Amino acid sequence: MPKADIHPTWYPDAKVICNGEVVMTTGSTSPEIHVDVWSGNHPFYTGTQKILDTEGRVDRFMRKYGMGGADSASGAKTAAKADAPAEAEASA
């Protein structure tokens, strides 16, 4: 038999609130639960997830190990364009 007066109050219809809007109800020991992210607005669940490469690490890895097909070809063209003006100045 559980002891009396040691358990917290149980709220079977506790409201989960995100951005001032009730998004669901659940059982909890607090009457309201305020959250910033839930499955309805999280990028993983909504399909709006993006991979951010702010420092170019993926591109640097691809160049370093010779992977990347189109990216490595465009990098070679850029390098050739950079060398072309130097050669033109030397011949002039």
PDB file of N, CA and C in Angstrom:
ATOM      1  N   MET A   1       0.845  -1.171   0.000  1.00  0.00           N
ATOM      2  CA  MET A   1       0.000   0.000   0.000  1.00  0.00           C
ATOM      3  C   MET A   1       0.898   1.245   0.000  1.00  0.00           C
ATOM      4  N   PRO A   2       0.675   2.220  -0.910  1.00  0.00           N
ATOM      5  CA  PRO A   2       1.507   3.426  -0.932  1.00  0.00           C
ATOM      6  C   PRO A   2       1.254   4.298   0.294  1.00  0.00           C
ATOM      7  N   LYS A   3       2.296   4.965   0.705  1.00  0.00           N
ATOM      8  CA  LYS A   3       2.172   5.848   1.861  1.00  0.00           C
ATOM      9  C   LYS A   3       1.378   7.093   1.481  1.00  0.00           C
ATOM     10  N   ALA A   4       0.634   7.601   2.415  1.00  0.00           N
ATOM     11  CA  ALA A   4      -0.182   8.789   2.178  1.00  0.00           C
ATOM     12  C   ALA A   4       0.664  10.055   2.287  1.00  0.00           C
ATOM     13  N   ASP A   5       0.324  11.056   1.513  1.00  0.00           N
ATOM     14  CA  ASP A   5       0.915  12.393   1.554  1.00  0.00           C
ATOM     15  C   ASP A   5       2.400  12.465   1.195  1.00  0.00           C
ATOM     16  N   ILE A   6       2.942  11.528   0.417  1.00  0.00           N
ATOM     17  CA  ILE A   6       4.333  11.658  -0.012  1.00  0.00           C
ATOM     18  C   ILE A   6       4.447  11.815  -1.531  1.00  0.00           C
ATOM     19  N   HIS A   7       3.367  11.561  -2.248  1.00  0.00           N
ATOM     20  CA  HIS A   7       3.405  11.618  -3.698  1.00  0.00           C
ATOM     21  C   HIS A   7       2.943  12.986  -4.202  1.00  0.00           C
ATOM     22  N   PRO A   8       3.524  13.469  -5.298  1.00  0.00           N
ATOM     23  CA  PRO A   8       3.072  14.755  -5.842  1.00  0.00           C
ATOM     24  C   PRO A   8       1.680  14.624  -6.458  1.00  0.00           C
ATOM     25  N   THR A   9       1.035  15.756  -6.644  1.00  0.00           N
ATOM     26  CA  THR A   9      -0.293  15.763  -7.251  1.00  0.00           C
ATOM     27  C   THR A   9      -0.187  15.363  -8.716  1.00  0.00           C
ATOM     28  N   TRP A  10      -1.059  14.492  -9.150  1.00  0.00           N
ATOM     29  CA  TRP A  10      -1.048  14.009 -10.544  1.00  0.00           C
ATOM     30  C   TRP A  10      -2.132  14.728 -11.339  1.00  0.00           C
ATOM     31  N   TYR A  11      -1.714  15.332 -12.447  1.00  0.00           N
ATOM     32  CA  TYR A  11      -2.646  16.016 -13.345  1.00  0.00           C
ATOM     33  C   TYR A  11      -2.786  15.174 -14.607  1.00  0.00           C
ATOM     34  N   PRO A  12      -3.899  14.472 -14.776  1.00  0.00           N
ATOM     35  CA  PRO A  12      -4.049  13.588 -15.935  1.00  0.00           C
ATOM     36  C   PRO A  12      -4.197  14.342 -17.262  1.00  0.00           C
ATOM     37  N   ASP A  13      -4.633  15.602 -17.196  1.00  0.00           N
ATOM     38  CA  ASP A  13      -4.805  16.393 -18.418  1.00  0.00           C
ATOM     39  C   ASP A  13      -3.903  17.626 -18.401  1.00  0.00           C
ATOM     40  N   ALA A  14      -2.611  17.424 -18.177  1.00  0.00           N
ATOM     41  CA  ALA A  14      -1.664  18.537 -18.178  1.00  0.00           C
ATOM     42  C   ALA A  14      -1.485  19.041 -19.614  1.00  0.00           C
ATOM     43  N   LYS A  15      -1.460  20.355 -19.776  1.00  0.00           N
ATOM     44  CA  LYS A  15      -1.354  20.951 -21.105  1.00  0.00           C
ATOM     45  C   LYS A  15       0.106  21.193 -21.469  1.00  0.00           C
ATOM     46  N   VAL A  16       0.510  20.773 -22.670  1.00  0.00           N
ATOM     47  CA  VAL A  16       1.845  21.050 -23.197  1.00  0.00           C
ATOM     48  C   VAL A  16       1.702  22.272 -24.092  1.00  0.00           C
ATOM     49  N   ILE A  17       2.435  23.351 -23.766  1.00  0.00           N
ATOM     50  CA  ILE A  17       2.285  24.627 -24.457  1.00  0.00           C
ATOM     51  C   ILE A  17       3.578  24.966 -25.188  1.00  0.00           C
ATOM     52  N   CYS A  18       3.458  25.300 -26.473  1.00  0.00           N
ATOM     53  CA  CYS A  18       4.589  25.726 -27.297  1.00  0.00           C
ATOM     54  C   CYS A  18       4.198  27.014 -28.005  1.00  0.00           C
ATOM     55  N   ASN A  19       4.954  28.074 -27.803  1.00  0.00           N
ATOM     56  CA  ASN A  19       4.687  29.382 -28.411  1.00  0.00           C
ATOM     57  C   ASN A  19       3.288  29.897 -28.078  1.00  0.00           C
ATOM     58  N   GLY A  20       2.862  29.704 -26.841  1.00  0.00           N
ATOM     59  CA  GLY A  20       1.567  30.196 -26.400  1.00  0.00           C
ATOM     60  C   GLY A  20       0.376  29.406 -26.899  1.00  0.00           C
ATOM     61  N   GLU A  21       0.603  28.275 -27.493  1.00  0.00           N
ATOM     62  CA  GLU A  21      -0.468  27.457 -28.068  1.00  0.00           C
ATOM     63  C   GLU A  21      -0.435  26.068 -27.442  1.00  0.00           C
ATOM     64  N   VAL A  22      -1.576  25.562 -27.035  1.00  0.00           N
ATOM     65  CA  VAL A  22      -1.651  24.210 -26.480  1.00  0.00           C
ATOM     66  C   VAL A  22      -1.506  23.220 -27.632  1.00  0.00           C
ATOM     67  N   VAL A  23      -0.463  22.408 -27.568  1.00  0.00           N
ATOM     68  CA  VAL A  23      -0.206  21.475 -28.662  1.00  0.00           C
ATOM     69  C   VAL A  23      -0.658  20.058 -28.354  1.00  0.00           C
ATOM     70  N   MET A  24      -0.756  19.708 -27.071  1.00  0.00           N
ATOM     71  CA  MET A  24      -1.227  18.377 -26.707  1.00  0.00           C
ATOM     72  C   MET A  24      -1.487  18.336 -25.207  1.00  0.00           C
ATOM     73  N   THR A  25      -2.104  17.280 -24.755  1.00  0.00           N
ATOM     74  CA  THR A  25      -2.296  17.070 -23.326  1.00  0.00           C
ATOM     75  C   THR A  25      -1.699  15.725 -22.965  1.00  0.00           C
ATOM     76  N   THR A  26      -1.212  15.645 -21.736  1.00  0.00           N
ATOM     77  CA  THR A  26      -0.590  14.416 -21.262  1.00  0.00           C
ATOM     78  C   THR A  26      -0.711  14.365 -19.750  1.00  0.00           C
ATOM     79  N   GLY A  27      -0.321  13.298 -19.142  1.00  0.00           N
ATOM     80  CA  GLY A  27      -0.320  13.202 -17.694  1.00  0.00           C
ATOM     81  C   GLY A  27       1.007  13.688 -17.145  1.00  0.00           C
ATOM     82  N   SER A  28       0.962  14.484 -16.055  1.00  0.00           N
ATOM     83  CA  SER A  28       2.181  15.041 -15.487  1.00  0.00           C
ATOM     84  C   SER A  28       1.947  15.450 -14.042  1.00  0.00           C
ATOM     85  N   THR A  29       3.045  15.775 -13.362  1.00  0.00           N
ATOM     86  CA  THR A  29       2.938  16.272 -11.998  1.00  0.00           C
ATOM     87  C   THR A  29       2.841  17.791 -11.958  1.00  0.00           C
ATOM     88  N   SER A  30       2.910  18.462 -13.112  1.00  0.00           N
ATOM     89  CA  SER A  30       2.675  19.908 -13.172  1.00  0.00           C
ATOM     90  C   SER A  30       1.520  20.162 -14.132  1.00  0.00           C
ATOM     91  N   PRO A  31       0.677  21.152 -13.848  1.00  0.00           N
ATOM     92  CA  PRO A  31      -0.516  21.361 -14.666  1.00  0.00           C
ATOM     93  C   PRO A  31      -0.227  21.869 -16.078  1.00  0.00           C
ATOM     94  N   GLU A  32       0.889  22.586 -16.263  1.00  0.00           N
ATOM     95  CA  GLU A  32       1.264  23.094 -17.589  1.00  0.00           C
ATOM     96  C   GLU A  32       2.741  22.840 -17.828  1.00  0.00           C
ATOM     97  N   ILE A  33       3.084  22.434 -19.044  1.00  0.00           N
ATOM     98  CA  ILE A  33       4.469  22.211 -19.430  1.00  0.00           C
ATOM     99  C   ILE A  33       4.750  23.124 -20.613  1.00  0.00           C
ATOM    100  N   HIS A  34       5.713  24.028 -20.451  1.00  0.00           N
ATOM    101  CA  HIS A  34       6.075  24.955 -21.519  1.00  0.00           C
ATOM    102  C   HIS A  34       7.329  24.437 -22.214  1.00  0.00           C
ATOM    103  N   VAL A  35       7.240  24.254 -23.543  1.00  0.00           N
ATOM    104  CA  VAL A  35       8.363  23.740 -24.319  1.00  0.00           C
ATOM    105  C   VAL A  35       8.663  24.688 -25.481  1.00  0.00           C
ATOM    106  N   ASP A  36       9.903  24.657 -25.960  1.00  0.00           N
ATOM    107  CA  ASP A  36      10.299  25.460 -27.114  1.00  0.00           C
ATOM    108  C   ASP A  36      10.136  24.682 -28.411  1.00  0.00           C
ATOM    109  N   VAL A  37      10.407  23.379 -28.365  1.00  0.00           N
ATOM    110  CA  VAL A  37      10.373  22.547 -29.568  1.00  0.00           C
ATOM    111  C   VAL A  37       9.553  21.304 -29.270  1.00  0.00           C
ATOM    112  N   TRP A  38       8.743  20.913 -30.206  1.00  0.00           N
ATOM    113  CA  TRP A  38       8.013  19.657 -30.126  1.00  0.00           C
ATOM    114  C   TRP A  38       7.971  19.059 -31.525  1.00  0.00           C
ATOM    115  N   SER A  39       7.438  17.882 -31.691  1.00  0.00           N
ATOM    116  CA  SER A  39       7.500  17.189 -32.977  1.00  0.00           C
ATOM    117  C   SER A  39       6.765  17.924 -34.088  1.00  0.00           C
ATOM    118  N   GLY A  40       5.845  18.803 -33.761  1.00  0.00           N
ATOM    119  CA  GLY A  40       5.117  19.545 -34.784  1.00  0.00           C
ATOM    120  C   GLY A  40       5.896  20.686 -35.395  1.00  0.00           C
ATOM    121  N   ASN A  41       6.959  21.175 -34.723  1.00  0.00           N
ATOM    122  CA  ASN A  41       7.731  22.259 -35.305  1.00  0.00           C
ATOM    123  C   ASN A  41       9.229  21.953 -35.381  1.00  0.00           C
ATOM    124  N   HIS A  42       9.633  20.736 -35.055  1.00  0.00           N
ATOM    125  CA  HIS A  42      11.039  20.361 -35.139  1.00  0.00           C
ATOM    126  C   HIS A  42      11.397  20.042 -36.587  1.00  0.00           C
ATOM    127  N   PRO A  43      12.516  20.577 -37.098  1.00  0.00           N
ATOM    128  CA  PRO A  43      12.876  20.371 -38.511  1.00  0.00           C
ATOM    129  C   PRO A  43      13.002  18.909 -38.918  1.00  0.00           C
ATOM    130  N   PHE A  44      13.450  18.052 -38.029  1.00  0.00           N
ATOM    131  CA  PHE A  44      13.592  16.633 -38.390  1.00  0.00           C
ATOM    132  C   PHE A  44      12.250  16.001 -38.711  1.00  0.00           C
ATOM    133  N   TYR A  45      11.236  16.325 -37.932  1.00  0.00           N
ATOM    134  CA  TYR A  45       9.917  15.713 -38.120  1.00  0.00           C
ATOM    135  C   TYR A  45       9.090  16.408 -39.195  1.00  0.00           C
ATOM    136  N   THR A  46       9.351  17.682 -39.462  1.00  0.00           N
ATOM    137  CA  THR A  46       8.575  18.403 -40.466  1.00  0.00           C
ATOM    138  C   THR A  46       9.163  18.280 -41.862  1.00  0.00           C
ATOM    139  N   GLY A  47      10.379  17.748 -41.975  1.00  0.00           N
ATOM    140  CA  GLY A  47      10.993  17.559 -43.288  1.00  0.00           C
ATOM    141  C   GLY A  47      11.682  18.797 -43.832  1.00  0.00           C
ATOM    142  N   THR A  48      11.940  19.784 -42.987  1.00  0.00           N
ATOM    143  CA  THR A  48      12.608  21.000 -43.436  1.00  0.00           C
ATOM    144  C   THR A  48      14.047  21.067 -42.948  1.00  0.00           C
ATOM    145  N   GLN A  49      14.611  19.919 -42.587  1.00  0.00           N
ATOM    146  CA  GLN A  49      15.971  19.894 -42.071  1.00  0.00           C
ATOM    147  C   GLN A  49      16.967  20.202 -43.171  1.00  0.00           C
ATOM    148  N   LYS A  50      17.937  21.047 -42.863  1.00  0.00           N
ATOM    149  CA  LYS A  50      18.968  21.419 -43.819  1.00  0.00           C
ATOM    150  C   LYS A  50      20.322  21.099 -43.215  1.00  0.00           C
ATOM    151  N   ILE A  51      21.263  20.722 -44.063  1.00  0.00           N
ATOM    152  CA  ILE A  51      22.618  20.486 -43.596  1.00  0.00           C
ATOM    153  C   ILE A  51      23.390  21.779 -43.813  1.00  0.00           C
ATOM    154  N   LEU A  52      23.877  22.354 -42.733  1.00  0.00           N
ATOM    155  CA  LEU A  52      24.609  23.607 -42.820  1.00  0.00           C
ATOM    156  C   LEU A  52      26.107  23.323 -42.824  1.00  0.00           C
ATOM    157  N   ASP A  53      26.800  23.860 -43.801  1.00  0.00           N
ATOM    158  CA  ASP A  53      28.244  23.709 -43.901  1.00  0.00           C
ATOM    159  C   ASP A  53      28.823  25.110 -43.905  1.00  0.00           C
ATOM    160  N   THR A  54      28.876  25.726 -42.738  1.00  0.00           N
ATOM    161  CA  THR A  54      29.248  27.135 -42.653  1.00  0.00           C
ATOM    162  C   THR A  54      30.729  27.366 -42.899  1.00  0.00           C
ATOM    163  N   GLU A  55      31.570  26.393 -42.631  1.00  0.00           N
ATOM    164  CA  GLU A  55      33.001  26.604 -42.781  1.00  0.00           C
ATOM    165  C   GLU A  55      33.572  25.907 -43.999  1.00  0.00           C
ATOM    166  N   GLY A  56      32.744  25.296 -44.829  1.00  0.00           N
ATOM    167  CA  GLY A  56      33.240  24.631 -46.029  1.00  0.00           C
ATOM    168  C   GLY A  56      33.996  23.351 -45.743  1.00  0.00           C
ATOM    169  N   ARG A  57      33.728  22.715 -44.635  1.00  0.00           N
ATOM    170  CA  ARG A  57      34.473  21.515 -44.265  1.00  0.00           C
ATOM    171  C   ARG A  57      34.217  20.370 -45.223  1.00  0.00           C
ATOM    172  N   VAL A  58      32.982  20.242 -45.679  1.00  0.00           N
ATOM    173  CA  VAL A  58      32.657  19.158 -46.602  1.00  0.00           C
ATOM    174  C   VAL A  58      33.398  19.357 -47.916  1.00  0.00           C
ATOM    175  N   ASP A  59      33.379  20.582 -48.444  1.00  0.00           N
ATOM    176  CA  ASP A  59      34.086  20.863 -49.697  1.00  0.00           C
ATOM    177  C   ASP A  59      35.583  20.633 -49.548  1.00  0.00           C
ATOM    178  N   ARG A  60      36.138  21.064 -48.434  1.00  0.00           N
ATOM    179  CA  ARG A  60      37.573  20.885 -48.210  1.00  0.00           C
ATOM    180  C   ARG A  60      37.921  19.396 -48.154  1.00  0.00           C
ATOM    181  N   PHE A  61      37.068  18.594 -47.501  1.00  0.00           N
ATOM    182  CA  PHE A  61      37.293  17.158 -47.440  1.00  0.00           C
ATOM    183  C   PHE A  61      37.242  16.540 -48.830  1.00  0.00           C
ATOM    184  N   MET A  62      36.230  16.963 -49.622  1.00  0.00           N
ATOM    185  CA  MET A  62      36.079  16.407 -50.966  1.00  0.00           C
ATOM    186  C   MET A  62      37.291  16.743 -51.836  1.00  0.00           C
ATOM    187  N   ARG A  63      37.801  17.960 -51.741  1.00  0.00           N
ATOM    188  CA  ARG A  63      38.982  18.334 -52.534  1.00  0.00           C
ATOM    189  C   ARG A  63      40.204  17.573 -52.061  1.00  0.00           C
ATOM    190  N   LYS A  64      40.361  17.429 -50.760  1.00  0.00           N
ATOM    191  CA  LYS A  64      41.548  16.793 -50.198  1.00  0.00           C
ATOM    192  C   LYS A  64      41.663  15.336 -50.634  1.00  0.00           C
ATOM    193  N   TYR A  65      40.546  14.642 -50.660  1.00  0.00           N
ATOM    194  CA  TYR A  65      40.570  13.219 -50.975  1.00  0.00           C
ATOM    195  C   TYR A  65      40.115  12.913 -52.398  1.00  0.00           C
ATOM    196  N   GLY A  66      39.989  13.916 -53.248  1.00  0.00           N
ATOM    197  CA  GLY A  66      39.687  13.709 -54.655  1.00  0.00           C
ATOM    198  C   GLY A  66      38.306  13.166 -54.927  1.00  0.00           C
ATOM    199  N   MET A  67      37.363  13.442 -54.061  1.00  0.00           N
ATOM    200  CA  MET A  67      35.994  12.987 -54.260  1.00  0.00           C
ATOM    201  C   MET A  67      35.152  14.175 -54.708  1.00  0.00           C
ATOM    202  N   GLY A  68      34.007  13.914 -55.264  1.00  0.00           N
ATOM    203  CA  GLY A  68      33.087  15.007 -55.501  1.00  0.00           C
ATOM    204  C   GLY A  68      32.737  15.261 -56.935  1.00  0.00           C
ATOM    205  N   GLY A  69      33.286  14.595 -57.898  1.00  0.00           N
ATOM    206  CA  GLY A  69      32.878  14.704 -59.300  1.00  0.00           C
ATOM    207  C   GLY A  69      32.800  16.120 -59.806  1.00  0.00           C
ATOM    208  N   ALA A  70      31.610  16.721 -59.834  1.00  0.00           N
ATOM    209  CA  ALA A  70      31.382  18.040 -60.422  1.00  0.00           C
ATOM    210  C   ALA A  70      32.086  19.127 -59.624  1.00  0.00           C
ATOM    211  N   ASP A  71      32.110  19.026 -58.324  1.00  0.00           N
ATOM    212  CA  ASP A  71      32.756  20.053 -57.513  1.00  0.00           C
ATOM    213  C   ASP A  71      34.262  20.102 -57.761  1.00  0.00           C
ATOM    214  N   SER A  72      34.894  18.928 -57.896  1.00  0.00           N
ATOM    215  CA  SER A  72      36.333  18.922 -58.122  1.00  0.00           C
ATOM    216  C   SER A  72      36.659  19.439 -59.519  1.00  0.00           C
ATOM    217  N   ALA A  73      35.778  19.203 -60.491  1.00  0.00           N
ATOM    218  CA  ALA A  73      36.008  19.707 -61.846  1.00  0.00           C
ATOM    219  C   ALA A  73      35.892  21.219 -61.878  1.00  0.00           C
ATOM    220  N   SER A  74      34.911  21.781 -61.172  1.00  0.00           N
ATOM    221  CA  SER A  74      34.756  23.228 -61.158  1.00  0.00           C
ATOM    222  C   SER A  74      35.914  23.872 -60.417  1.00  0.00           C
ATOM    223  N   GLY A  75      36.456  23.194 -59.407  1.00  0.00           N
ATOM    224  CA  GLY A  75      37.614  23.710 -58.693  1.00  0.00           C
ATOM    225  C   GLY A  75      38.837  23.752 -59.586  1.00  0.00           C
ATOM    226  N   ALA A  76      38.992  22.769 -60.457  1.00  0.00           N
ATOM    227  CA  ALA A  76      40.116  22.748 -61.387  1.00  0.00           C
ATOM    228  C   ALA A  76      39.990  23.873 -62.399  1.00  0.00           C
ATOM    229  N   LYS A  77      38.771  24.158 -62.881  1.00  0.00           N
ATOM    230  CA  LYS A  77      38.561  25.251 -63.832  1.00  0.00           C
ATOM    231  C   LYS A  77      38.888  26.590 -63.192  1.00  0.00           C
ATOM    232  N   THR A  78      38.507  26.757 -61.934  1.00  0.00           N
ATOM    233  CA  THR A  78      38.780  28.005 -61.222  1.00  0.00           C
ATOM    234  C   THR A  78      40.274  28.204 -61.075  1.00  0.00           C
ATOM    235  N   ALA A  79      41.002  27.136 -60.763  1.00  0.00           N
ATOM    236  CA  ALA A  79      42.452  27.228 -60.619  1.00  0.00           C
ATOM    237  C   ALA A  79      43.093  27.581 -61.952  1.00  0.00           C
ATOM    238  N   ALA A  80      42.595  27.028 -63.053  1.00  0.00           N
ATOM    239  CA  ALA A  80      43.133  27.323 -64.374  1.00  0.00           C
ATOM    240  C   ALA A  80      42.889  28.783 -64.736  1.00  0.00           C
ATOM    241  N   LYS A  81      41.721  29.326 -64.397  1.00  0.00           N
ATOM    242  CA  LYS A  81      41.419  30.732 -64.670  1.00  0.00           C
ATOM    243  C   LYS A  81      42.339  31.646 -63.865  1.00  0.00           C
ATOM    244  N   ALA A  82      42.674  31.256 -62.645  1.00  0.00           N
ATOM    245  CA  ALA A  82      43.532  32.077 -61.806  1.00  0.00           C
ATOM    246  C   ALA A  82      44.950  32.126 -62.372  1.00  0.00           C
ATOM    247  N   ASP A  83      45.412  31.036 -62.995  1.00  0.00           N
ATOM    248  CA  ASP A  83      46.755  30.988 -63.573  1.00  0.00           C
ATOM    249  C   ASP A  83      46.831  31.732 -64.902  1.00  0.00           C
ATOM    250  N   ALA A  84      45.736  31.819 -65.641  1.00  0.00           N
ATOM    251  CA  ALA A  84      45.738  32.417 -66.973  1.00  0.00           C
ATOM    252  C   ALA A  84      46.187  33.868 -66.978  1.00  0.00           C
ATOM    253  N   PRO A  85      45.749  34.771 -66.113  1.00  0.00           N
ATOM    254  CA  PRO A  85      46.203  36.167 -66.144  1.00  0.00           C
ATOM    255  C   PRO A  85      47.696  36.280 -65.834  1.00  0.00           C
ATOM    256  N   ALA A  86      48.203  35.450 -64.956  1.00  0.00           N
ATOM    257  CA  ALA A  86      49.618  35.492 -64.617  1.00  0.00           C
ATOM    258  C   ALA A  86      50.474  35.141 -65.841  1.00  0.00           C
ATOM    259  N   GLU A  87      50.032  34.141 -66.613  1.00  0.00           N
ATOM    260  CA  GLU A  87      50.747  33.752 -67.823  1.00  0.00           C
ATOM    261  C   GLU A  87      50.670  34.833 -68.885  1.00  0.00           C
ATOM    262  N   ALA A  88      49.531  35.528 -68.985  1.00  0.00           N
ATOM    263  CA  ALA A  88      49.366  36.588 -69.975  1.00  0.00           C
ATOM    264  C   ALA A  88      50.288  37.757 -69.645  1.00  0.00           C
ATOM    265  N   GLU A  89      50.452  38.092 -68.378  1.00  0.00           N
ATOM    266  CA  GLU A  89      51.322  39.181 -67.982  1.00  0.00           C
ATOM    267  C   GLU A  89      52.768  38.841 -68.233  1.00  0.00           C
ATOM    268  N   ALA A  90      53.161  37.571 -68.044  1.00  0.00           N
ATOM    269  CA  ALA A  90      54.541  37.159 -68.254  1.00  0.00           C
ATOM    270  C   ALA A  90      54.935  37.224 -69.736  1.00  0.00           C
ATOM    271  N   SER A  91      54.019  36.923 -70.634  1.00  0.00           N
ATOM    272  CA  SER A  91      54.325  36.944 -72.063  1.00  0.00           C
ATOM    273  C   SER A  91      54.298  38.354 -72.637  1.00  0.00           C
ATOM    274  N   ALA A  92      53.637  39.291 -71.961  1.00  0.00           N
ATOM    275  CA  ALA A  92      53.502  40.667 -72.486  1.00  0.00           C
ATOM    276  C   ALA A  92      54.725  41.498 -72.241  1.00  0.00           C
TER     277      ALA A  92
END
